[in-house]
PDB file of N, CA and C in Angstrom:
ATOM      1  N   MET A   1      48.375 -75.577 -76.688  1.00  0.00           N
ATOM      2  CA  MET A   1      49.660 -76.259 -76.153  1.00  0.00           C
ATOM      3  C   MET A   1      49.122 -77.785 -75.817  1.00  0.00           C
ATOM      4  N   ALA A   2      50.021 -78.554 -76.108  1.00  0.00           N
ATOM      5  CA  ALA A   2      49.827 -80.072 -75.766  1.00  0.00           C
ATOM      6  C   ALA A   2      50.104 -80.172 -74.287  1.00  0.00           C
ATOM      7  N   LYS A   3      49.569 -81.226 -73.818  1.00  0.00           N
ATOM      8  CA  LYS A   3      49.548 -81.504 -72.409  1.00  0.00           C
ATOM      9  C   LYS A   3      51.178 -81.570 -71.787  1.00  0.00           C
ATOM     10  N   TRP A   4      51.807 -82.120 -72.478  1.00  0.00           N
ATOM     11  CA  TRP A   4      53.222 -82.374 -71.998  1.00  0.00           C
ATOM     12  C   TRP A   4      54.013 -81.168 -72.037  1.00  0.00           C
ATOM     13  N   GLN A   5      53.736 -80.170 -72.975  1.00  0.00           N
ATOM     14  CA  GLN A   5      54.316 -78.859 -73.170  1.00  0.00           C
ATOM     15  C   GLN A   5      53.884 -78.005 -71.781  1.00  0.00           C
ATOM     16  N   LEU A   6      52.690 -78.121 -71.421  1.00  0.00           N
ATOM     17  CA  LEU A   6      52.396 -77.384 -70.323  1.00  0.00           C
ATOM     18  C   LEU A   6      52.949 -77.715 -69.044  1.00  0.00           C
ATOM     19  N   GLU A   7      53.190 -79.107 -68.957  1.00  0.00           N
ATOM     20  CA  GLU A   7      53.660 -79.828 -67.812  1.00  0.00           C
ATOM     21  C   GLU A   7      55.157 -79.356 -67.741  1.00  0.00           C
ATOM     22  N   VAL A   8      55.773 -79.185 -68.919  1.00  0.00           N
ATOM     23  CA  VAL A   8      57.383 -78.926 -69.073  1.00  0.00           C
ATOM     24  C   VAL A   8      57.457 -77.339 -68.521  1.00  0.00           C
ATOM     25  N   LEU A   9      56.581 -76.587 -68.927  1.00  0.00           N
ATOM     26  CA  LEU A   9      56.561 -75.045 -68.628  1.00  0.00           C
ATOM     27  C   LEU A   9      56.289 -74.949 -67.169  1.00  0.00           C
ATOM     28  N   ARG A  10      55.349 -75.563 -66.670  1.00  0.00           N
ATOM     29  CA  ARG A  10      54.953 -75.515 -65.280  1.00  0.00           C
ATOM     30  C   ARG A  10      56.180 -75.996 -64.424  1.00  0.00           C
ATOM     31  N   MET A  11      56.868 -76.986 -64.698  1.00  0.00           N
ATOM     32  CA  MET A  11      58.050 -77.589 -63.990  1.00  0.00           C
ATOM     33  C   MET A  11      59.206 -76.579 -64.129  1.00  0.00           C
ATOM     34  N   GLY A  12      59.373 -76.022 -65.216  1.00  0.00           N
ATOM     35  CA  GLY A  12      60.330 -74.994 -65.366  1.00  0.00           C
ATOM     36  C   GLY A  12      60.115 -73.903 -64.429  1.00  0.00           C
ATOM     37  N   ILE A  13      58.913 -73.472 -64.249  1.00  0.00           N
ATOM     38  CA  ILE A  13      58.586 -72.277 -63.583  1.00  0.00           C
ATOM     39  C   ILE A  13      58.782 -72.696 -61.866  1.00  0.00           C
ATOM     40  N   TYR A  14      58.471 -74.015 -61.594  1.00  0.00           N
ATOM     41  CA  TYR A  14      58.542 -74.498 -60.210  1.00  0.00           C
ATOM     42  C   TYR A  14      59.979 -74.534 -59.752  1.00  0.00           C
ATOM     43  N   MET A  15      60.816 -74.846 -60.772  1.00  0.00           N
ATOM     44  CA  MET A  15      62.313 -75.040 -60.372  1.00  0.00           C
ATOM     45  C   MET A  15      62.957 -73.704 -60.620  1.00  0.00           C
ATOM     46  N   ALA A  16      62.644 -72.873 -61.547  1.00  0.00           N
ATOM     47  CA  ALA A  16      63.317 -71.540 -61.596  1.00  0.00           C
ATOM     48  C   ALA A  16      63.008 -70.572 -60.549  1.00  0.00           C
ATOM     49  N   PHE A  17      61.787 -70.717 -59.998  1.00  0.00           N
ATOM     50  CA  PHE A  17      61.340 -69.675 -59.020  1.00  0.00           C
ATOM     51  C   PHE A  17      62.176 -69.699 -57.802  1.00  0.00           C
ATOM     52  N   PRO A  18      62.514 -70.632 -57.002  1.00  0.00           N
ATOM     53  CA  PRO A  18      63.411 -70.636 -55.882  1.00  0.00           C
ATOM     54  C   PRO A  18      64.897 -70.259 -56.274  1.00  0.00           C
ATOM     55  N   VAL A  19      65.248 -70.681 -57.467  1.00  0.00           N
ATOM     56  CA  VAL A  19      66.674 -70.440 -57.780  1.00  0.00           C
ATOM     57  C   VAL A  19      66.783 -68.808 -58.181  1.00  0.00           C
ATOM     58  N   VAL A  20      65.762 -68.241 -58.645  1.00  0.00           N
ATOM     59  CA  VAL A  20      65.844 -66.661 -58.975  1.00  0.00           C
ATOM     60  C   VAL A  20      65.790 -66.093 -57.715  1.00  0.00           C
ATOM     61  N   LEU A  21      64.884 -66.400 -56.630  1.00  0.00           N
ATOM     62  CA  LEU A  21      64.736 -65.805 -55.378  1.00  0.00           C
ATOM     63  C   LEU A  21      66.126 -65.779 -54.539  1.00  0.00           C
ATOM     64  N   PHE A  22      66.667 -67.068 -54.704  1.00  0.00           N
ATOM     65  CA  PHE A  22      68.009 -67.363 -54.021  1.00  0.00           C
ATOM     66  C   PHE A  22      69.092 -66.398 -54.527  1.00  0.00           C
ATOM     67  N   HIS A  23      69.074 -66.283 -55.855  1.00  0.00           N
ATOM     68  CA  HIS A  23      70.123 -65.427 -56.544  1.00  0.00           C
ATOM     69  C   HIS A  23      69.848 -63.872 -56.158  1.00  0.00           C
ATOM     70  N   TYR A  24      68.533 -63.562 -56.262  1.00  0.00           N
ATOM     71  CA  TYR A  24      68.287 -62.202 -55.880  1.00  0.00           C
ATOM     72  C   TYR A  24      68.661 -61.724 -54.457  1.00  0.00           C
ATOM     73  N   PHE A  25      68.262 -62.566 -53.525  1.00  0.00           N
ATOM     74  CA  PHE A  25      68.479 -62.241 -52.131  1.00  0.00           C
ATOM     75  C   PHE A  25      69.928 -62.545 -51.642  1.00  0.00           C
ATOM     76  N   ASN A  26      70.681 -63.115 -52.476  1.00  0.00           N
ATOM     77  CA  ASN A  26      71.994 -63.395 -52.145  1.00  0.00           C
ATOM     78  C   ASN A  26      73.020 -62.447 -52.844  1.00  0.00           C
ATOM     79  N   LEU A  27      72.456 -61.506 -53.491  1.00  0.00           N
ATOM     80  CA  LEU A  27      73.433 -60.502 -54.126  1.00  0.00           C
ATOM     81  C   LEU A  27      74.026 -59.631 -52.952  1.00  0.00           C
ATOM     82  N   PRO A  28      75.358 -59.219 -53.239  1.00  0.00           N
ATOM     83  CA  PRO A  28      75.946 -58.548 -51.896  1.00  0.00           C
ATOM     84  C   PRO A  28      75.153 -57.009 -51.695  1.00  0.00           C
ATOM     85  N   GLU A  29      74.826 -56.276 -52.776  1.00  0.00           N
ATOM     86  CA  GLU A  29      74.123 -55.044 -52.625  1.00  0.00           C
ATOM     87  C   GLU A  29      72.876 -55.138 -51.909  1.00  0.00           C
ATOM     88  N   ASN A  30      72.149 -56.264 -52.381  1.00  0.00           N
ATOM     89  CA  ASN A  30      70.966 -56.353 -51.593  1.00  0.00           C
ATOM     90  C   ASN A  30      71.021 -56.658 -50.100  1.00  0.00           C
ATOM     91  N   TYR A  31      72.120 -57.473 -49.882  1.00  0.00           N
ATOM     92  CA  TYR A  31      72.354 -58.069 -48.470  1.00  0.00           C
ATOM     93  C   TYR A  31      72.849 -56.668 -47.702  1.00  0.00           C
ATOM     94  N   GLU A  32      73.624 -55.983 -48.224  1.00  0.00           N
ATOM     95  CA  GLU A  32      74.106 -54.810 -47.514  1.00  0.00           C
ATOM     96  C   GLU A  32      73.043 -53.841 -47.256  1.00  0.00           C
ATOM     97  N   GLU A  33      72.229 -53.596 -48.209  1.00  0.00           N
ATOM     98  CA  GLU A  33      71.020 -52.545 -48.094  1.00  0.00           C
ATOM     99  C   GLU A  33      69.981 -53.018 -47.048  1.00  0.00           C
ATOM    100  N   LYS A  34      69.567 -54.243 -47.356  1.00  0.00           N
ATOM    101  CA  LYS A  34      68.314 -54.664 -46.638  1.00  0.00           C
ATOM    102  C   LYS A  34      68.591 -55.548 -45.243  1.00  0.00           C
ATOM    103  N   VAL A  35      69.373 -56.480 -45.267  1.00  0.00           N
ATOM    104  CA  VAL A  35      69.657 -57.280 -44.295  1.00  0.00           C
ATOM    105  C   VAL A  35      70.393 -56.620 -43.077  1.00  0.00           C
ATOM    106  N   ILE A  36      71.467 -55.821 -43.490  1.00  0.00           N
ATOM    107  CA  ILE A  36      72.279 -55.216 -42.346  1.00  0.00           C
ATOM    108  C   ILE A  36      71.453 -54.024 -41.806  1.00  0.00           C
ATOM    109  N   GLN A  37      70.600 -53.366 -42.730  1.00  0.00           N
ATOM    110  CA  GLN A  37      69.890 -52.292 -42.161  1.00  0.00           C
ATOM    111  C   GLN A  37      68.740 -52.675 -41.214  1.00  0.00           C
ATOM    112  N   PHE A  38      68.206 -54.041 -41.631  1.00  0.00           N
ATOM    113  CA  PHE A  38      67.207 -54.571 -40.684  1.00  0.00           C
ATOM    114  C   PHE A  38      67.671 -55.023 -39.402  1.00  0.00           C
ATOM    115  N   LYS A  39      68.913 -55.465 -39.386  1.00  0.00           N
ATOM    116  CA  LYS A  39      69.688 -56.011 -38.116  1.00  0.00           C
ATOM    117  C   LYS A  39      69.970 -54.696 -37.260  1.00  0.00           C
ATOM    118  N   ARG A  40      70.465 -53.669 -37.779  1.00  0.00           N
ATOM    119  CA  ARG A  40      70.625 -52.337 -37.157  1.00  0.00           C
ATOM    120  C   ARG A  40      69.377 -51.854 -36.430  1.00  0.00           C
ATOM    121  N   GLU A  41      68.333 -52.001 -37.104  1.00  0.00           N
ATOM    122  CA  GLU A  41      67.090 -51.460 -36.574  1.00  0.00           C
ATOM    123  C   GLU A  41      66.659 -52.450 -35.529  1.00  0.00           C
ATOM    124  N   MET A  42      66.756 -53.711 -35.596  1.00  0.00           N
ATOM    125  CA  MET A  42      66.289 -54.703 -34.747  1.00  0.00           C
ATOM    126  C   MET A  42      67.105 -54.724 -33.397  1.00  0.00           C
ATOM    127  N   PHE A  43      68.471 -54.713 -33.592  1.00  0.00           N
ATOM    128  CA  PHE A  43      69.342 -54.836 -32.560  1.00  0.00           C
ATOM    129  C   PHE A  43      70.393 -53.597 -32.598  1.00  0.00           C
ATOM    130  N   PRO A  44      69.798 -52.479 -32.107  1.00  0.00           N
ATOM    131  CA  PRO A  44      70.783 -51.245 -32.252  1.00  0.00           C
ATOM    132  C   PRO A  44      72.060 -51.335 -31.495  1.00  0.00           C
ATOM    133  N   PRO A  45      73.187 -50.790 -31.656  1.00  0.00           N
ATOM    134  CA  PRO A  45      74.167 -50.801 -30.806  1.00  0.00           C
ATOM    135  C   PRO A  45      74.052 -50.354 -29.468  1.00  0.00           C
ATOM    136  N   GLU A  46      74.713 -51.060 -28.518  1.00  0.00           N
ATOM    137  CA  GLU A  46      74.502 -50.544 -27.085  1.00  0.00           C
ATOM    138  C   GLU A  46      75.276 -49.287 -26.735  1.00  0.00           C
ATOM    139  N   ARG A  47      74.418 -48.480 -26.124  1.00  0.00           N
ATOM    140  CA  ARG A  47      75.170 -47.152 -25.677  1.00  0.00           C
ATOM    141  C   ARG A  47      75.833 -47.485 -24.227  1.00  0.00           C
ATOM    142  N   PRO A  48      77.009 -46.769 -23.942  1.00  0.00           N
ATOM    143  CA  PRO A  48      77.737 -47.014 -22.828  1.00  0.00           C
ATOM    144  C   PRO A  48      77.118 -46.513 -21.573  1.00  0.00           C
ATOM    145  N   GLU A  49      76.134 -45.542 -21.721  1.00  0.00           N
ATOM    146  CA  GLU A  49      75.584 -44.978 -20.485  1.00  0.00           C
ATOM    147  C   GLU A  49      74.868 -45.931 -19.684  1.00  0.00           C
ATOM    148  N   PRO A  50      74.015 -46.928 -20.156  1.00  0.00           N
ATOM    149  CA  PRO A  50      73.451 -47.857 -19.156  1.00  0.00           C
ATOM    150  C   PRO A  50      74.455 -48.851 -18.645  1.00  0.00           C
ATOM    151  N   GLN A  51      75.403 -49.104 -19.381  1.00  0.00           N
ATOM    152  CA  GLN A  51      76.399 -50.017 -18.938  1.00  0.00           C
ATOM    153  C   GLN A  51      77.334 -49.195 -17.579  1.00  0.00           C
ATOM    154  N   GLN A  52      77.457 -48.259 -17.884  1.00  0.00           N
ATOM    155  CA  GLN A  52      78.069 -47.338 -16.641  1.00  0.00           C
ATOM    156  C   GLN A  52      77.335 -47.149 -15.391  1.00  0.00           C
ATOM    157  N   LYS A  53      75.988 -47.030 -15.647  1.00  0.00           N
ATOM    158  CA  LYS A  53      75.088 -46.975 -14.429  1.00  0.00           C
ATOM    159  C   LYS A  53      75.070 -48.222 -13.841  1.00  0.00           C
ATOM    160  N   ILE A  54      75.114 -49.474 -14.572  1.00  0.00           N
ATOM    161  CA  ILE A  54      75.040 -50.691 -13.903  1.00  0.00           C
ATOM    162  C   ILE A  54      76.331 -50.941 -13.145  1.00  0.00           C
ATOM    163  N   ALA A  55      77.432 -50.446 -13.719  1.00  0.00           N
ATOM    164  CA  ALA A  55      78.761 -50.721 -13.036  1.00  0.00           C
ATOM    165  C   ALA A  55      78.837 -49.806 -11.834  1.00  0.00           C
ATOM    166  N   GLU A  56      78.193 -48.721 -11.982  1.00  0.00           N
ATOM    167  CA  GLU A  56      78.162 -47.739 -10.746  1.00  0.00           C
ATOM    168  C   GLU A  56      77.297 -48.444  -9.542  1.00  0.00           C
ATOM    169  N   LEU A  57      76.084 -48.894  -9.911  1.00  0.00           N
ATOM    170  CA  LEU A  57      75.221 -49.482  -8.913  1.00  0.00           C
ATOM    171  C   LEU A  57      75.886 -50.758  -8.269  1.00  0.00           C
ATOM    172  N   LYS A  58      76.603 -51.513  -9.098  1.00  0.00           N
ATOM    173  CA  LYS A  58      77.251 -52.680  -8.664  1.00  0.00           C
ATOM    174  C   LYS A  58      78.398 -52.258  -7.552  1.00  0.00           C
ATOM    175  N   ARG A  59      79.083 -51.193  -7.843  1.00  0.00           N
ATOM    176  CA  ARG A  59      80.063 -50.747  -6.911  1.00  0.00           C
ATOM    177  C   ARG A  59      79.492 -50.291  -5.719  1.00  0.00           C
ATOM    178  N   ILE A  60      78.406 -49.496  -5.795  1.00  0.00           N
ATOM    179  CA  ILE A  60      77.631 -49.108  -4.608  1.00  0.00           C
ATOM    180  C   ILE A  60      77.322 -50.250  -3.666  1.00  0.00           C
ATOM    181  N   PHE A  61      76.637 -51.150  -4.331  1.00  0.00           N
ATOM    182  CA  PHE A  61      76.117 -52.413  -3.548  1.00  0.00           C
ATOM    183  C   PHE A  61      77.352 -53.074  -2.875  1.00  0.00           C
ATOM    184  N   GLN A  62      78.417 -53.238  -3.539  1.00  0.00           N
ATOM    185  CA  GLN A  62      79.493 -53.952  -3.134  1.00  0.00           C
ATOM    186  C   GLN A  62      80.155 -53.171  -1.868  1.00  0.00           C
ATOM    187  N   GLU A  63      80.129 -51.952  -1.955  1.00  0.00           N
ATOM    188  CA  GLU A  63      80.576 -51.044  -0.806  1.00  0.00           C
ATOM    189  C   GLU A  63      79.694 -51.299   0.399  1.00  0.00           C
ATOM    190  N   ARG A  64      78.360 -51.256   0.175  1.00  0.00           N
ATOM    191  CA  ARG A  64      77.512 -51.418   1.309  1.00  0.00           C
ATOM    192  C   ARG A  64      77.586 -52.831   1.854  1.00  0.00           C
ATOM    193  N   LYS A  65      77.786 -53.865   1.069  1.00  0.00           N
ATOM    194  CA  LYS A  65      78.002 -55.180   1.561  1.00  0.00           C
ATOM    195  C   LYS A  65      79.267 -55.239   2.275  1.00  0.00           C
ATOM    196  N   GLU A  66      80.407 -54.599   1.823  1.00  0.00           N
ATOM    197  CA  GLU A  66      81.653 -54.612   2.547  1.00  0.00           C
ATOM    198  C   GLU A  66      81.477 -53.879   3.905  1.00  0.00           C
ATOM    199  N   ALA A  67      80.740 -52.853   3.967  1.00  0.00           N
ATOM    200  CA  ALA A  67      80.631 -52.062   5.090  1.00  0.00           C
ATOM    201  C   ALA A  67      79.727 -52.926   6.194  1.00  0.00           C
ATOM    202  N   GLU A  68      78.755 -53.691   5.744  1.00  0.00           N
ATOM    203  CA  GLU A  68      78.027 -54.439   6.682  1.00  0.00           C
ATOM    204  C   GLU A  68      78.920 -55.649   7.161  1.00  0.00           C
ATOM    205  N   LEU A  69      79.522 -56.236   6.304  1.00  0.00           N
ATOM    206  CA  LEU A  69      80.622 -57.281   6.788  1.00  0.00           C
ATOM    207  C   LEU A  69      81.697 -56.805   7.725  1.00  0.00           C
ATOM    208  N   LYS A  70      82.081 -55.669   7.494  1.00  0.00           N
ATOM    209  CA  LYS A  70      83.075 -54.950   8.231  1.00  0.00           C
ATOM    210  C   LYS A  70      82.560 -54.818   9.713  1.00  0.00           C
ATOM    211  N   LYS A  71      81.266 -54.283   9.698  1.00  0.00           N
ATOM    212  CA  LYS A  71      80.497 -54.074  10.873  1.00  0.00           C
ATOM    213  C   LYS A  71      80.286 -55.278  11.801  1.00  0.00           C
ATOM    214  N   VAL A  72      79.960 -56.309  11.011  1.00  0.00           N
ATOM    215  CA  VAL A  72      79.651 -57.647  11.719  1.00  0.00           C
ATOM    216  C   VAL A  72      80.975 -58.221  12.250  1.00  0.00           C
ATOM    217  N   PHE A  73      82.070 -58.222  11.554  1.00  0.00           N
ATOM    218  CA  PHE A  73      83.227 -58.638  12.105  1.00  0.00           C
ATOM    219  C   PHE A  73      83.878 -57.752  13.268  1.00  0.00           C
ATOM    220  N   GLU A  74      83.600 -56.450  13.203  1.00  0.00           N
ATOM    221  CA  GLU A  74      84.075 -55.829  14.226  1.00  0.00           C
ATOM    222  C   GLU A  74      83.415 -55.935  15.676  1.00  0.00           C
ATOM    223  N   GLU A  75      82.244 -56.450  15.624  1.00  0.00           N
ATOM    224  CA  GLU A  75      81.390 -56.611  16.747  1.00  0.00           C
ATOM    225  C   GLU A  75      81.917 -57.813  17.555  1.00  0.00           C
TER     226      GLU A  75
END
């Protein structure tokens, strides 16, 4: 091959490579299969049990604080 033909081939590969990758990774079926699955693994949905335990602890501490304040004001 002549020198200029090799350069044209190389430039075509350099320009086509990112375009092909962009096209492949932006297909909806690939997005749904890979990206959404990856997000579900990295950030699993929160379970309600820990949230309920936190709310119960908040309520207990609030009641204790109110009891202490009530005792202070009654004295």
